[in-house]
Amino acid sequence: MIEVTDEAYEKLLERAGDRGGVRIALKPGGCAGFEYKFDYIDDLSEPDDLVMDFVTFKVAIYRMSLPMLDGATLDWTVNGINEEFIFRNPNEQSKCGCGVSAIF
């Protein structure tokens, strides 16, 4: 399973508006092999998703991505004027130089 930090949770709530949650997946692509896919969603009924209920917000994870996301943390970082969601994932073997994709 994944963990969502308090900072990330607050930003998810703030940015999602009236959407019910977010879907997270790893998709083939990028220069290193897989890239994180992160979409705000209204419909949480995809049969291939595992849904984590955080009471006021849901996180749906594409089942095929679960082995590579197990133990990962979704965090929110602020670095100067840059703010973004990041994944801290112990399953990554390396990342590409641009930070878009990872090798598992």
PDB file of N, CA and C in Angstrom:
ATOM      1  N   MET A   1       0.825  -1.174   0.000  1.00  0.00           N
ATOM      2  CA  MET A   1       0.000   0.000   0.000  1.00  0.00           C
ATOM      3  C   MET A   1       0.876   1.248   0.000  1.00  0.00           C
ATOM      4  N   ILE A   2       0.274   2.396  -0.272  1.00  0.00           N
ATOM      5  CA  ILE A   2       1.040   3.634  -0.224  1.00  0.00           C
ATOM      6  C   ILE A   2       0.609   4.466   0.974  1.00  0.00           C
ATOM      7  N   GLU A   3       1.475   5.369   1.354  1.00  0.00           N
ATOM      8  CA  GLU A   3       1.200   6.304   2.431  1.00  0.00           C
ATOM      9  C   GLU A   3       1.030   7.685   1.811  1.00  0.00           C
ATOM     10  N   VAL A   4       0.173   8.487   2.390  1.00  0.00           N
ATOM     11  CA  VAL A   4      -0.028   9.868   1.954  1.00  0.00           C
ATOM     12  C   VAL A   4       0.313  10.755   3.139  1.00  0.00           C
ATOM     13  N   THR A   5       1.293  11.645   2.968  1.00  0.00           N
ATOM     14  CA  THR A   5       1.660  12.529   4.072  1.00  0.00           C
ATOM     15  C   THR A   5       0.536  13.524   4.347  1.00  0.00           C
ATOM     16  N   ASP A   6       0.557  14.123   5.530  1.00  0.00           N
ATOM     17  CA  ASP A   6      -0.450  15.121   5.884  1.00  0.00           C
ATOM     18  C   ASP A   6      -0.432  16.288   4.902  1.00  0.00           C
ATOM     19  N   GLU A   7       0.765  16.720   4.496  1.00  0.00           N
ATOM     20  CA  GLU A   7       0.891  17.830   3.555  1.00  0.00           C
ATOM     21  C   GLU A   7       0.274  17.480   2.204  1.00  0.00           C
ATOM     22  N   ALA A   8       0.538  16.269   1.727  1.00  0.00           N
ATOM     23  CA  ALA A   8      -0.027  15.827   0.454  1.00  0.00           C
ATOM     24  C   ALA A   8      -1.536  15.703   0.544  1.00  0.00           C
ATOM     25  N   TYR A   9      -2.029  15.176   1.650  1.00  0.00           N
ATOM     26  CA  TYR A   9      -3.473  15.023   1.840  1.00  0.00           C
ATOM     27  C   TYR A   9      -4.177  16.377   1.785  1.00  0.00           C
ATOM     28  N   GLU A  10      -3.625  17.371   2.482  1.00  0.00           N
ATOM     29  CA  GLU A  10      -4.220  18.706   2.466  1.00  0.00           C
ATOM     30  C   GLU A  10      -4.245  19.279   1.052  1.00  0.00           C
ATOM     31  N   LYS A  11      -3.178  19.104   0.296  1.00  0.00           N
ATOM     32  CA  LYS A  11      -3.128  19.612  -1.080  1.00  0.00           C
ATOM     33  C   LYS A  11      -4.070  18.841  -1.991  1.00  0.00           C
ATOM     34  N   LEU A  12      -4.209  17.529  -1.779  1.00  0.00           N
ATOM     35  CA  LEU A  12      -5.164  16.745  -2.560  1.00  0.00           C
ATOM     36  C   LEU A  12      -6.574  17.286  -2.352  1.00  0.00           C
ATOM     37  N   LEU A  13      -6.943  17.531  -1.120  1.00  0.00           N
ATOM     38  CA  LEU A  13      -8.270  18.072  -0.816  1.00  0.00           C
ATOM     39  C   LEU A  13      -8.459  19.445  -1.454  1.00  0.00           C
ATOM     40  N   GLU A  14      -7.450  20.287  -1.333  1.00  0.00           N
ATOM     41  CA  GLU A  14      -7.513  21.649  -1.851  1.00  0.00           C
ATOM     42  C   GLU A  14      -7.636  21.669  -3.373  1.00  0.00           C
ATOM     43  N   ARG A  15      -6.865  20.847  -4.052  1.00  0.00           N
ATOM     44  CA  ARG A  15      -6.808  20.878  -5.514  1.00  0.00           C
ATOM     45  C   ARG A  15      -7.868  20.035  -6.210  1.00  0.00           C
ATOM     46  N   ALA A  16      -8.446  19.104  -5.508  1.00  0.00           N
ATOM     47  CA  ALA A  16      -9.416  18.205  -6.141  1.00  0.00           C
ATOM     48  C   ALA A  16     -10.771  18.867  -6.366  1.00  0.00           C
ATOM     49  N   GLY A  17     -11.051  19.945  -5.651  1.00  0.00           N
ATOM     50  CA  GLY A  17     -12.362  20.575  -5.790  1.00  0.00           C
ATOM     51  C   GLY A  17     -13.447  19.605  -5.358  1.00  0.00           C
ATOM     52  N   ASP A  18     -14.496  19.431  -6.192  1.00  0.00           N
ATOM     53  CA  ASP A  18     -15.548  18.493  -5.826  1.00  0.00           C
ATOM     54  C   ASP A  18     -15.341  17.109  -6.410  1.00  0.00           C
ATOM     55  N   ARG A  19     -14.170  16.810  -6.905  1.00  0.00           N
ATOM     56  CA  ARG A  19     -13.893  15.452  -7.382  1.00  0.00           C
ATOM     57  C   ARG A  19     -13.739  14.534  -6.180  1.00  0.00           C
ATOM     58  N   GLY A  20     -13.993  13.247  -6.398  1.00  0.00           N
ATOM     59  CA  GLY A  20     -13.994  12.287  -5.296  1.00  0.00           C
ATOM     60  C   GLY A  20     -12.640  11.739  -4.920  1.00  0.00           C
ATOM     61  N   GLY A  21     -11.638  11.925  -5.782  1.00  0.00           N
ATOM     62  CA  GLY A  21     -10.345  11.347  -5.441  1.00  0.00           C
ATOM     63  C   GLY A  21      -9.312  11.503  -6.530  1.00  0.00           C
ATOM     64  N   VAL A  22      -8.308  10.656  -6.436  1.00  0.00           N
ATOM     65  CA  VAL A  22      -7.204  10.673  -7.384  1.00  0.00           C
ATOM     66  C   VAL A  22      -6.884   9.229  -7.755  1.00  0.00           C
ATOM     67  N   ARG A  23      -6.477   9.004  -8.999  1.00  0.00           N
ATOM     68  CA  ARG A  23      -6.041   7.679  -9.446  1.00  0.00           C
ATOM     69  C   ARG A  23      -4.538   7.751  -9.718  1.00  0.00           C
ATOM     70  N   ILE A  24      -3.829   6.760  -9.172  1.00  0.00           N
ATOM     71  CA  ILE A  24      -2.378   6.678  -9.326  1.00  0.00           C
ATOM     72  C   ILE A  24      -2.041   5.379 -10.047  1.00  0.00           C
ATOM     73  N   ALA A  25      -1.125   5.467 -10.997  1.00  0.00           N
ATOM     74  CA  ALA A  25      -0.690   4.273 -11.724  1.00  0.00           C
ATOM     75  C   ALA A  25       0.729   4.485 -12.224  1.00  0.00           C
ATOM     76  N   LEU A  26       1.371   3.407 -12.569  1.00  0.00           N
ATOM     77  CA  LEU A  26       2.645   3.454 -13.275  1.00  0.00           C
ATOM     78  C   LEU A  26       2.381   2.961 -14.682  1.00  0.00           C
ATOM     79  N   LYS A  27       2.797   3.736 -15.663  1.00  0.00           N
ATOM     80  CA  LYS A  27       2.587   3.379 -17.062  1.00  0.00           C
ATOM     81  C   LYS A  27       3.933   3.306 -17.766  1.00  0.00           C
ATOM     82  N   PRO A  28       4.086   2.364 -18.702  1.00  0.00           N
ATOM     83  CA  PRO A  28       5.326   2.336 -19.484  1.00  0.00           C
ATOM     84  C   PRO A  28       5.506   3.662 -20.203  1.00  0.00           C
ATOM     85  N   GLY A  29       6.719   4.176 -20.156  1.00  0.00           N
ATOM     86  CA  GLY A  29       6.996   5.439 -20.838  1.00  0.00           C
ATOM     87  C   GLY A  29       8.137   6.172 -20.190  1.00  0.00           C
ATOM     88  N   GLY A  30       8.386   7.351 -20.699  1.00  0.00           N
ATOM     89  CA  GLY A  30       9.497   8.144 -20.211  1.00  0.00           C
ATOM     90  C   GLY A  30      10.809   7.558 -20.696  1.00  0.00           C
ATOM     91  N   CYS A  31      11.902   8.142 -20.308  1.00  0.00           N
ATOM     92  CA  CYS A  31      13.195   7.689 -20.789  1.00  0.00           C
ATOM     93  C   CYS A  31      13.792   6.572 -19.943  1.00  0.00           C
ATOM     94  N   ALA A  32      13.197   6.293 -18.759  1.00  0.00           N
ATOM     95  CA  ALA A  32      13.775   5.266 -17.891  1.00  0.00           C
ATOM     96  C   ALA A  32      12.934   4.000 -17.784  1.00  0.00           C
ATOM     97  N   GLY A  33      11.729   3.998 -18.302  1.00  0.00           N
ATOM     98  CA  GLY A  33      10.947   2.773 -18.248  1.00  0.00           C
ATOM     99  C   GLY A  33       9.507   2.953 -17.838  1.00  0.00           C
ATOM    100  N   PHE A  34       9.241   3.541 -16.666  1.00  0.00           N
ATOM    101  CA  PHE A  34       7.881   3.763 -16.181  1.00  0.00           C
ATOM    102  C   PHE A  34       7.749   5.200 -15.713  1.00  0.00           C
ATOM    103  N   GLU A  35       6.553   5.751 -15.917  1.00  0.00           N
ATOM    104  CA  GLU A  35       6.290   7.075 -15.380  1.00  0.00           C
ATOM    105  C   GLU A  35       5.040   7.034 -14.520  1.00  0.00           C
ATOM    106  N   TYR A  36       5.027   7.893 -13.507  1.00  0.00           N
ATOM    107  CA  TYR A  36       3.889   7.974 -12.612  1.00  0.00           C
ATOM    108  C   TYR A  36       2.749   8.691 -13.328  1.00  0.00           C
ATOM    109  N   LYS A  37       1.571   8.132 -13.207  1.00  0.00           N
ATOM    110  CA  LYS A  37       0.362   8.744 -13.765  1.00  0.00           C
ATOM    111  C   LYS A  37      -0.510   9.127 -12.578  1.00  0.00           C
ATOM    112  N   PHE A  38      -0.946  10.355 -12.550  1.00  0.00           N
ATOM    113  CA  PHE A  38      -1.640  10.927 -11.407  1.00  0.00           C
ATOM    114  C   PHE A  38      -2.778  11.781 -11.950  1.00  0.00           C
ATOM    115  N   ASP A  39      -4.042  11.362 -11.748  1.00  0.00           N
ATOM    116  CA  ASP A  39      -5.195  12.079 -12.291  1.00  0.00           C
ATOM    117  C   ASP A  39      -6.266  12.260 -11.229  1.00  0.00           C
ATOM    118  N   TYR A  40      -6.836  13.461 -11.156  1.00  0.00           N
ATOM    119  CA  TYR A  40      -8.011  13.675 -10.316  1.00  0.00           C
ATOM    120  C   TYR A  40      -9.193  13.038 -11.024  1.00  0.00           C
ATOM    121  N   ILE A  41     -10.059  12.376 -10.266  1.00  0.00           N
ATOM    122  CA  ILE A  41     -11.161  11.631 -10.867  1.00  0.00           C
ATOM    123  C   ILE A  41     -12.449  11.822 -10.082  1.00  0.00           C
ATOM    124  N   ASP A  42     -13.552  11.615 -10.788  1.00  0.00           N
ATOM    125  CA  ASP A  42     -14.867  11.605 -10.153  1.00  0.00           C
ATOM    126  C   ASP A  42     -15.329  10.172  -9.946  1.00  0.00           C
ATOM    127  N   ASP A  43     -15.035   9.311 -10.923  1.00  0.00           N
ATOM    128  CA  ASP A  43     -15.526   7.936 -10.913  1.00  0.00           C
ATOM    129  C   ASP A  43     -14.473   7.008 -10.319  1.00  0.00           C
ATOM    130  N   LEU A  44     -14.815   6.371  -9.203  1.00  0.00           N
ATOM    131  CA  LEU A  44     -13.894   5.450  -8.541  1.00  0.00           C
ATOM    132  C   LEU A  44     -14.325   4.001  -8.724  1.00  0.00           C
ATOM    133  N   SER A  45     -15.000   3.713  -9.835  1.00  0.00           N
ATOM    134  CA  SER A  45     -15.563   2.380 -10.005  1.00  0.00           C
ATOM    135  C   SER A  45     -14.795   1.513 -11.005  1.00  0.00           C
ATOM    136  N   GLU A  46     -13.576   1.878 -11.343  1.00  0.00           N
ATOM    137  CA  GLU A  46     -12.783   1.058 -12.256  1.00  0.00           C
ATOM    138  C   GLU A  46     -12.515  -0.301 -11.608  1.00  0.00           C
ATOM    139  N   PRO A  47     -12.803  -1.394 -12.309  1.00  0.00           N
ATOM    140  CA  PRO A  47     -12.635  -2.727 -11.701  1.00  0.00           C
ATOM    141  C   PRO A  47     -11.174  -3.104 -11.425  1.00  0.00           C
ATOM    142  N   ASP A  48     -10.237  -2.457 -12.115  1.00  0.00           N
ATOM    143  CA  ASP A  48      -8.831  -2.791 -11.914  1.00  0.00           C
ATOM    144  C   ASP A  48      -8.144  -1.911 -10.879  1.00  0.00           C
ATOM    145  N   ASP A  49      -8.916  -1.208 -10.070  1.00  0.00           N
ATOM    146  CA  ASP A  49      -8.349  -0.327  -9.055  1.00  0.00           C
ATOM    147  C   ASP A  49      -8.538  -0.892  -7.654  1.00  0.00           C
ATOM    148  N   LEU A  50      -7.552  -0.637  -6.821  1.00  0.00           N
ATOM    149  CA  LEU A  50      -7.684  -0.838  -5.384  1.00  0.00           C
ATOM    150  C   LEU A  50      -7.946   0.555  -4.819  1.00  0.00           C
ATOM    151  N   VAL A  51      -9.026   0.725  -4.078  1.00  0.00           N
ATOM    152  CA  VAL A  51      -9.396   2.048  -3.578  1.00  0.00           C
ATOM    153  C   VAL A  51      -9.081   2.137  -2.090  1.00  0.00           C
ATOM    154  N   MET A  52      -8.301   3.161  -1.744  1.00  0.00           N
ATOM    155  CA  MET A  52      -7.984   3.457  -0.352  1.00  0.00           C
ATOM    156  C   MET A  52      -8.876   4.625   0.078  1.00  0.00           C
ATOM    157  N   ASP A  53      -9.630   4.431   1.132  1.00  0.00           N
ATOM    158  CA  ASP A  53     -10.579   5.441   1.590  1.00  0.00           C
ATOM    159  C   ASP A  53      -9.958   6.239   2.727  1.00  0.00           C
ATOM    160  N   PHE A  54      -9.780   7.546   2.498  1.00  0.00           N
ATOM    161  CA  PHE A  54      -9.245   8.443   3.522  1.00  0.00           C
ATOM    162  C   PHE A  54     -10.361   9.321   4.081  1.00  0.00           C
ATOM    163  N   VAL A  55     -11.541   8.784   4.219  1.00  0.00           N
ATOM    164  CA  VAL A  55     -12.750   9.407   4.759  1.00  0.00           C
ATOM    165  C   VAL A  55     -13.291  10.499   3.827  1.00  0.00           C
ATOM    166  N   THR A  56     -12.591  11.601   3.678  1.00  0.00           N
ATOM    167  CA  THR A  56     -13.088  12.696   2.837  1.00  0.00           C
ATOM    168  C   THR A  56     -12.494  12.678   1.435  1.00  0.00           C
ATOM    169  N   PHE A  57     -11.640  11.718   1.152  1.00  0.00           N
ATOM    170  CA  PHE A  57     -10.958  11.658  -0.132  1.00  0.00           C
ATOM    171  C   PHE A  57     -10.531  10.215  -0.387  1.00  0.00           C
ATOM    172  N   LYS A  58     -10.563   9.791  -1.649  1.00  0.00           N
ATOM    173  CA  LYS A  58     -10.170   8.420  -1.981  1.00  0.00           C
ATOM    174  C   LYS A  58      -8.976   8.420  -2.931  1.00  0.00           C
ATOM    175  N   VAL A  59      -8.128   7.422  -2.767  1.00  0.00           N
ATOM    176  CA  VAL A  59      -6.992   7.224  -3.658  1.00  0.00           C
ATOM    177  C   VAL A  59      -7.179   5.859  -4.315  1.00  0.00           C
ATOM    178  N   ALA A  60      -7.314   5.869  -5.643  1.00  0.00           N
ATOM    179  CA  ALA A  60      -7.466   4.633  -6.407  1.00  0.00           C
ATOM    180  C   ALA A  60      -6.114   4.295  -7.032  1.00  0.00           C
ATOM    181  N   ILE A  61      -5.692   3.050  -6.877  1.00  0.00           N
ATOM    182  CA  ILE A  61      -4.403   2.614  -7.417  1.00  0.00           C
ATOM    183  C   ILE A  61      -4.667   1.490  -8.410  1.00  0.00           C
ATOM    184  N   TYR A  62      -4.152   1.650  -9.606  1.00  0.00           N
ATOM    185  CA  TYR A  62      -4.286   0.629 -10.635  1.00  0.00           C
ATOM    186  C   TYR A  62      -3.586  -0.638 -10.145  1.00  0.00           C
ATOM    187  N   ARG A  63      -4.321  -1.759 -10.103  1.00  0.00           N
ATOM    188  CA  ARG A  63      -3.822  -3.007  -9.501  1.00  0.00           C
ATOM    189  C   ARG A  63      -2.494  -3.493 -10.085  1.00  0.00           C
ATOM    190  N   MET A  64      -2.303  -3.334 -11.376  1.00  0.00           N
ATOM    191  CA  MET A  64      -1.052  -3.800 -11.993  1.00  0.00           C
ATOM    192  C   MET A  64       0.155  -3.001 -11.476  1.00  0.00           C
ATOM    193  N   SER A  65      -0.098  -1.810 -10.933  1.00  0.00           N
ATOM    194  CA  SER A  65       0.985  -0.972 -10.407  1.00  0.00           C
ATOM    195  C   SER A  65       1.301  -1.264  -8.948  1.00  0.00           C
ATOM    196  N   LEU A  66       0.426  -2.004  -8.270  1.00  0.00           N
ATOM    197  CA  LEU A  66       0.587  -2.225  -6.827  1.00  0.00           C
ATOM    198  C   LEU A  66       1.955  -2.766  -6.421  1.00  0.00           C
ATOM    199  N   PRO A  67       2.506  -3.790  -7.098  1.00  0.00           N
ATOM    200  CA  PRO A  67       3.815  -4.296  -6.645  1.00  0.00           C
ATOM    201  C   PRO A  67       4.917  -3.236  -6.689  1.00  0.00           C
ATOM    202  N   MET A  68       4.838  -2.323  -7.669  1.00  0.00           N
ATOM    203  CA  MET A  68       5.877  -1.298  -7.793  1.00  0.00           C
ATOM    204  C   MET A  68       5.617  -0.094  -6.892  1.00  0.00           C
ATOM    205  N   LEU A  69       4.369   0.067  -6.440  1.00  0.00           N
ATOM    206  CA  LEU A  69       4.028   1.192  -5.571  1.00  0.00           C
ATOM    207  C   LEU A  69       3.977   0.808  -4.092  1.00  0.00           C
ATOM    208  N   ASP A  70       4.072  -0.479  -3.790  1.00  0.00           N
ATOM    209  CA  ASP A  70       3.990  -0.939  -2.410  1.00  0.00           C
ATOM    210  C   ASP A  70       5.101  -0.302  -1.576  1.00  0.00           C
ATOM    211  N   GLY A  71       4.722   0.379  -0.528  1.00  0.00           N
ATOM    212  CA  GLY A  71       5.694   1.028   0.349  1.00  0.00           C
ATOM    213  C   GLY A  71       6.018   2.458  -0.039  1.00  0.00           C
ATOM    214  N   ALA A  72       5.437   2.954  -1.136  1.00  0.00           N
ATOM    215  CA  ALA A  72       5.713   4.322  -1.596  1.00  0.00           C
ATOM    216  C   ALA A  72       4.963   5.334  -0.740  1.00  0.00           C
ATOM    217  N   THR A  73       5.452   6.562  -0.746  1.00  0.00           N
ATOM    218  CA  THR A  73       4.821   7.665  -0.039  1.00  0.00           C
ATOM    219  C   THR A  73       4.562   8.789  -1.024  1.00  0.00           C
ATOM    220  N   LEU A  74       3.334   9.294  -1.023  1.00  0.00           N
ATOM    221  CA  LEU A  74       3.001  10.486  -1.808  1.00  0.00           C
ATOM    222  C   LEU A  74       3.184  11.680  -0.885  1.00  0.00           C
ATOM    223  N   ASP A  75       4.007  12.633  -1.305  1.00  0.00           N
ATOM    224  CA  ASP A  75       4.326  13.782  -0.476  1.00  0.00           C
ATOM    225  C   ASP A  75       4.125  15.056  -1.280  1.00  0.00           C
ATOM    226  N   TRP A  76       4.084  16.168  -0.600  1.00  0.00           N
ATOM    227  CA  TRP A  76       3.989  17.495  -1.206  1.00  0.00           C
ATOM    228  C   TRP A  76       5.229  18.257  -0.789  1.00  0.00           C
ATOM    229  N   THR A  77       5.959  18.802  -1.751  1.00  0.00           N
ATOM    230  CA  THR A  77       7.173  19.533  -1.416  1.00  0.00           C
ATOM    231  C   THR A  77       7.105  20.956  -1.937  1.00  0.00           C
ATOM    232  N   VAL A  78       7.781  21.826  -1.228  1.00  0.00           N
ATOM    233  CA  VAL A  78       7.928  23.217  -1.618  1.00  0.00           C
ATOM    234  C   VAL A  78       9.421  23.502  -1.639  1.00  0.00           C
ATOM    235  N   ASN A  79       9.912  23.941  -2.795  1.00  0.00           N
ATOM    236  CA  ASN A  79      11.327  24.268  -2.951  1.00  0.00           C
ATOM    237  C   ASN A  79      11.401  25.617  -3.651  1.00  0.00           C
ATOM    238  N   GLY A  80      11.572  26.677  -2.870  1.00  0.00           N
ATOM    239  CA  GLY A  80      11.536  28.022  -3.440  1.00  0.00           C
ATOM    240  C   GLY A  80      10.129  28.329  -3.933  1.00  0.00           C
ATOM    241  N   ILE A  81      10.014  28.680  -5.225  1.00  0.00           N
ATOM    242  CA  ILE A  81       8.689  28.964  -5.777  1.00  0.00           C
ATOM    243  C   ILE A  81       8.052  27.724  -6.405  1.00  0.00           C
ATOM    244  N   ASN A  82       8.753  26.599  -6.386  1.00  0.00           N
ATOM    245  CA  ASN A  82       8.235  25.363  -6.964  1.00  0.00           C
ATOM    246  C   ASN A  82       7.526  24.531  -5.903  1.00  0.00           C
ATOM    247  N   GLU A  83       6.329  24.072  -6.237  1.00  0.00           N
ATOM    248  CA  GLU A  83       5.552  23.201  -5.366  1.00  0.00           C
ATOM    249  C   GLU A  83       5.068  22.030  -6.211  1.00  0.00           C
ATOM    250  N   GLU A  84       5.122  20.804  -5.637  1.00  0.00           N
ATOM    251  CA  GLU A  84       4.679  19.652  -6.420  1.00  0.00           C
ATOM    252  C   GLU A  84       4.465  18.425  -5.542  1.00  0.00           C
ATOM    253  N   PHE A  85       3.647  17.506  -6.081  1.00  0.00           N
ATOM    254  CA  PHE A  85       3.531  16.187  -5.482  1.00  0.00           C
ATOM    255  C   PHE A  85       4.740  15.382  -5.928  1.00  0.00           C
ATOM    256  N   ILE A  86       5.296  14.603  -5.021  1.00  0.00           N
ATOM    257  CA  ILE A  86       6.388  13.700  -5.386  1.00  0.00           C
ATOM    258  C   ILE A  86       6.127  12.329  -4.765  1.00  0.00           C
ATOM    259  N   PHE A  87       6.673  11.324  -5.403  1.00  0.00           N
ATOM    260  CA  PHE A  87       6.607   9.969  -4.870  1.00  0.00           C
ATOM    261  C   PHE A  87       7.971   9.617  -4.305  1.00  0.00           C
ATOM    262  N   ARG A  88       7.980   9.171  -3.078  1.00  0.00           N
ATOM    263  CA  ARG A  88       9.184   8.596  -2.478  1.00  0.00           C
ATOM    264  C   ARG A  88       8.937   7.095  -2.497  1.00  0.00           C
ATOM    265  N   ASN A  89       9.674   6.404  -3.357  1.00  0.00           N
ATOM    266  CA  ASN A  89       9.370   5.006  -3.618  1.00  0.00           C
ATOM    267  C   ASN A  89      10.614   4.147  -3.428  1.00  0.00           C
ATOM    268  N   PRO A  90      10.626   3.291  -2.412  1.00  0.00           N
ATOM    269  CA  PRO A  90      11.800   2.449  -2.160  1.00  0.00           C
ATOM    270  C   PRO A  90      12.000   1.372  -3.230  1.00  0.00           C
ATOM    271  N   ASN A  91      11.014   1.172  -4.103  1.00  0.00           N
ATOM    272  CA  ASN A  91      11.126   0.158  -5.154  1.00  0.00           C
ATOM    273  C   ASN A  91      11.846   0.660  -6.402  1.00  0.00           C
ATOM    274  N   GLU A  92      12.079   1.954  -6.497  1.00  0.00           N
ATOM    275  CA  GLU A  92      12.789   2.507  -7.654  1.00  0.00           C
ATOM    276  C   GLU A  92      14.250   2.094  -7.604  1.00  0.00           C
ATOM    277  N   GLN A  93      14.749   1.600  -8.723  1.00  0.00           N
ATOM    278  CA  GLN A  93      16.169   1.273  -8.812  1.00  0.00           C
ATOM    279  C   GLN A  93      16.969   2.481  -9.269  1.00  0.00           C
ATOM    280  N   SER A  94      16.356   3.318 -10.105  1.00  0.00           N
ATOM    281  CA  SER A  94      16.975   4.572 -10.525  1.00  0.00           C
ATOM    282  C   SER A  94      15.910   5.436 -11.193  1.00  0.00           C
ATOM    283  N   LYS A  95      16.240   6.719 -11.371  1.00  0.00           N
ATOM    284  CA  LYS A  95      15.357   7.680 -12.033  1.00  0.00           C
ATOM    285  C   LYS A  95      16.101   8.293 -13.204  1.00  0.00           C
ATOM    286  N   CYS A  96      15.332   8.784 -14.173  1.00  0.00           N
ATOM    287  CA  CYS A  96      15.961   9.485 -15.292  1.00  0.00           C
ATOM    288  C   CYS A  96      16.411  10.866 -14.810  1.00  0.00           C
ATOM    289  N   GLY A  97      17.216  11.516 -15.595  1.00  0.00           N
ATOM    290  CA  GLY A  97      17.744  12.813 -15.227  1.00  0.00           C
ATOM    291  C   GLY A  97      16.696  13.907 -15.116  1.00  0.00           C
ATOM    292  N   CYS A  98      15.641  13.809 -15.908  1.00  0.00           N
ATOM    293  CA  CYS A  98      14.606  14.841 -15.857  1.00  0.00           C
ATOM    294  C   CYS A  98      13.598  14.575 -14.741  1.00  0.00           C
ATOM    295  N   GLY A  99      13.661  13.410 -14.094  1.00  0.00           N
ATOM    296  CA  GLY A  99      12.790  13.100 -12.973  1.00  0.00           C
ATOM    297  C   GLY A  99      11.382  12.666 -13.352  1.00  0.00           C
ATOM    298  N   VAL A 100      11.127  12.412 -14.623  1.00  0.00           N
ATOM    299  CA  VAL A 100       9.786  12.037 -15.073  1.00  0.00           C
ATOM    300  C   VAL A 100       9.536  10.550 -14.925  1.00  0.00           C
ATOM    301  N   SER A 101      10.559   9.725 -15.104  1.00  0.00           N
ATOM    302  CA  SER A 101      10.325   8.286 -15.072  1.00  0.00           C
ATOM    303  C   SER A 101      11.364   7.570 -14.217  1.00  0.00           C
ATOM    304  N   ALA A 102      11.054   6.298 -13.928  1.00  0.00           N
ATOM    305  CA  ALA A 102      11.900   5.510 -13.045  1.00  0.00           C
ATOM    306  C   ALA A 102      12.017   4.082 -13.550  1.00  0.00           C
ATOM    307  N   ILE A 103      13.060   3.416 -13.113  1.00  0.00           N
ATOM    308  CA  ILE A 103      13.283   2.001 -13.416  1.00  0.00           C
ATOM    309  C   ILE A 103      12.974   1.203 -12.159  1.00  0.00           C
ATOM    310  N   PHE A 104      12.229   0.123 -12.332  1.00  0.00           N
ATOM    311  CA  PHE A 104      11.860  -0.739 -11.197  1.00  0.00           C
ATOM    312  C   PHE A 104      12.446  -2.109 -11.391  1.00  0.00           C
TER     313      PHE A 104
END
